[in-house]
Protein backbone atom coordinates (compact mmCIF):
# COMPACT_ATOMS: atom_id res chain seq x y z
CA UNK A 1 7.98 -10.83 -3.28
CA UNK A 2 10.00 -10.78 -6.25
CA UNK A 3 13.11 -8.19 -5.75
CA UNK A 4 11.17 -6.02 -3.49
CA UNK A 5 14.03 -4.86 -0.49
CA UNK A 6 13.53 -5.54 2.42
CA UNK A 7 13.99 -1.29 3.08
CA UNK A 8 10.56 -0.99 0.98
CA UNK A 9 8.85 -3.25 3.12
CA UNK A 10 10.04 -1.66 5.96
CA UNK A 11 9.09 1.95 4.19
CA UNK A 12 5.36 0.43 3.53
CA UNK A 13 5.07 -0.41 6.87
CA UNK A 14 5.83 2.76 8.13
CA UNK A 15 3.60 4.27 6.15
CA UNK A 16 0.91 2.01 7.33
CA UNK A 17 1.76 2.67 10.68
CA UNK A 18 0.87 6.18 10.24
CA UNK A 19 -1.97 5.98 8.60
CA UNK A 20 -3.64 3.58 11.08
CA UNK A 21 -3.02 6.25 14.14
CA UNK A 22 -4.53 8.75 11.91
CA UNK A 23 -7.05 6.50 11.87
CA UNK A 24 -7.25 6.18 15.03
CA UNK A 25 -7.11 9.40 15.62
CA UNK A 26 -10.78 9.50 13.65
CA UNK A 27 -14.32 9.30 14.19
CA UNK A 28 -16.79 7.72 12.06
CA UNK A 29 -17.76 11.21 10.74
CA UNK A 30 -14.25 12.30 9.43
CA UNK A 31 -13.57 8.75 8.18
CA UNK A 32 -16.74 9.21 5.89
CA UNK A 33 -15.54 12.31 4.72
CA UNK A 34 -12.00 11.19 4.33
CA UNK A 35 -13.72 7.91 1.64
CA UNK A 36 -15.61 10.96 0.53
CA UNK A 37 -13.24 13.35 -0.78
CA UNK A 38 -11.04 10.14 -1.57
CA UNK A 39 -15.00 9.26 -3.83
CA UNK A 40 -14.39 13.41 -5.13
CA UNK A 41 -10.02 12.13 -6.00
CA UNK A 42 -11.37 9.15 -8.28
CA UNK A 43 -14.35 11.10 -9.94
CA UNK A 44 -12.12 14.22 -10.92
CA UNK A 45 -9.30 11.07 -12.11
CA UNK A 46 -11.75 9.88 -14.14
CA UNK A 47 -12.79 13.11 -15.38
CA UNK A 48 -9.40 14.19 -16.34
CA UNK A 49 -8.21 10.33 -17.80
CA UNK A 50 -10.79 8.37 -18.59
CA UNK A 51 -11.86 5.13 -16.93
CA UNK A 52 -9.83 3.18 -14.62
CA UNK A 53 -10.15 0.16 -15.98
CA UNK A 54 -11.14 -3.00 -14.27
CA UNK A 55 -8.05 -4.71 -14.86
CA UNK A 56 -6.25 -2.23 -12.47
CA UNK A 57 -9.04 -2.99 -9.64
CA UNK A 58 -9.09 -6.74 -10.26
CA UNK A 59 -5.15 -6.55 -9.62
CA UNK A 60 -5.10 -4.97 -6.02
CA UNK A 61 -8.10 -7.26 -5.24
CA UNK A 62 -7.01 -10.63 -6.10
CA UNK A 63 -2.84 -10.04 -5.59
CA UNK A 64 -1.19 -12.51 -3.54
CA UNK A 65 2.09 -10.92 -4.48
CA UNK A 66 3.60 -8.35 -3.91
CA UNK A 67 5.49 -7.39 -6.54
CA UNK A 68 7.22 -3.43 -7.07
CA UNK A 69 4.39 -2.63 -9.23
CA UNK A 70 1.96 -3.49 -6.38
CA UNK A 71 4.18 -1.71 -3.92
CA UNK A 72 4.35 1.73 -5.63
CA UNK A 73 0.42 1.66 -6.08
CA UNK A 74 -0.14 1.16 -2.35
CA UNK A 75 2.19 3.31 -1.45
CA UNK A 76 1.11 5.73 -3.71
CA UNK A 77 -3.00 4.43 -2.29
CA UNK A 78 -2.02 5.19 1.65
CA UNK A 79 0.31 8.34 1.08
CA UNK A 80 -2.93 9.73 -0.95
CA UNK A 81 -5.66 8.11 2.07
CA UNK A 82 -3.19 9.92 4.61
CA UNK A 83 -3.06 12.83 3.07
CA UNK A 84 -6.33 12.94 2.72
CA UNK A 85 -6.99 12.18 6.54
CA UNK A 86 -4.96 14.88 7.59
CA UNK A 87 -6.97 17.41 5.58
CA UNK A 88 -10.13 16.43 7.52
CA UNK A 89 -8.40 15.84 10.55
CA UNK A 90 -6.60 19.39 10.16
CA UNK A 91 -10.74 21.01 9.06
CA UNK A 92 -11.63 19.42 12.26
CA UNK A 93 -9.67 21.26 14.77
CA UNK A 94 -7.14 18.13 15.81
CA UNK A 95 -4.78 18.68 17.61
CA UNK A 96 -1.00 16.41 17.19
CA UNK A 97 -1.30 14.53 13.64
CA UNK A 98 1.35 13.03 13.35
CA UNK A 99 3.70 14.36 10.01
CA UNK A 100 4.12 12.02 7.04
CA UNK A 101 8.30 12.08 5.95
CA UNK A 102 9.10 13.32 2.79
CA UNK A 103 10.06 9.51 1.52
CA UNK A 104 6.31 8.54 1.03
CA UNK A 105 5.32 11.78 -0.89
CA UNK A 106 7.70 9.92 -4.03
């Protein structure tokens, strides 16, 4: 974990915990809907910018060390998943959805 501050790691853990709270509030159908939205998001990205290189996926799957670049990718991914799941839960009128701190929207 080169040059990653403890605060950034704590922020990532907090962000992940907030996402997992939403997962716990969700049922299987809502999680499937979230996955569909995320897939459509990727499809829209591909239409606008082209395919994502295999090397980009490979780093996510094979990396054993967390560097700043991968940390940012993970944080952005968790943020997108959190927002999509919140959207699904709001559509299904779930109450008490935790708010994601503005820190994670950067």
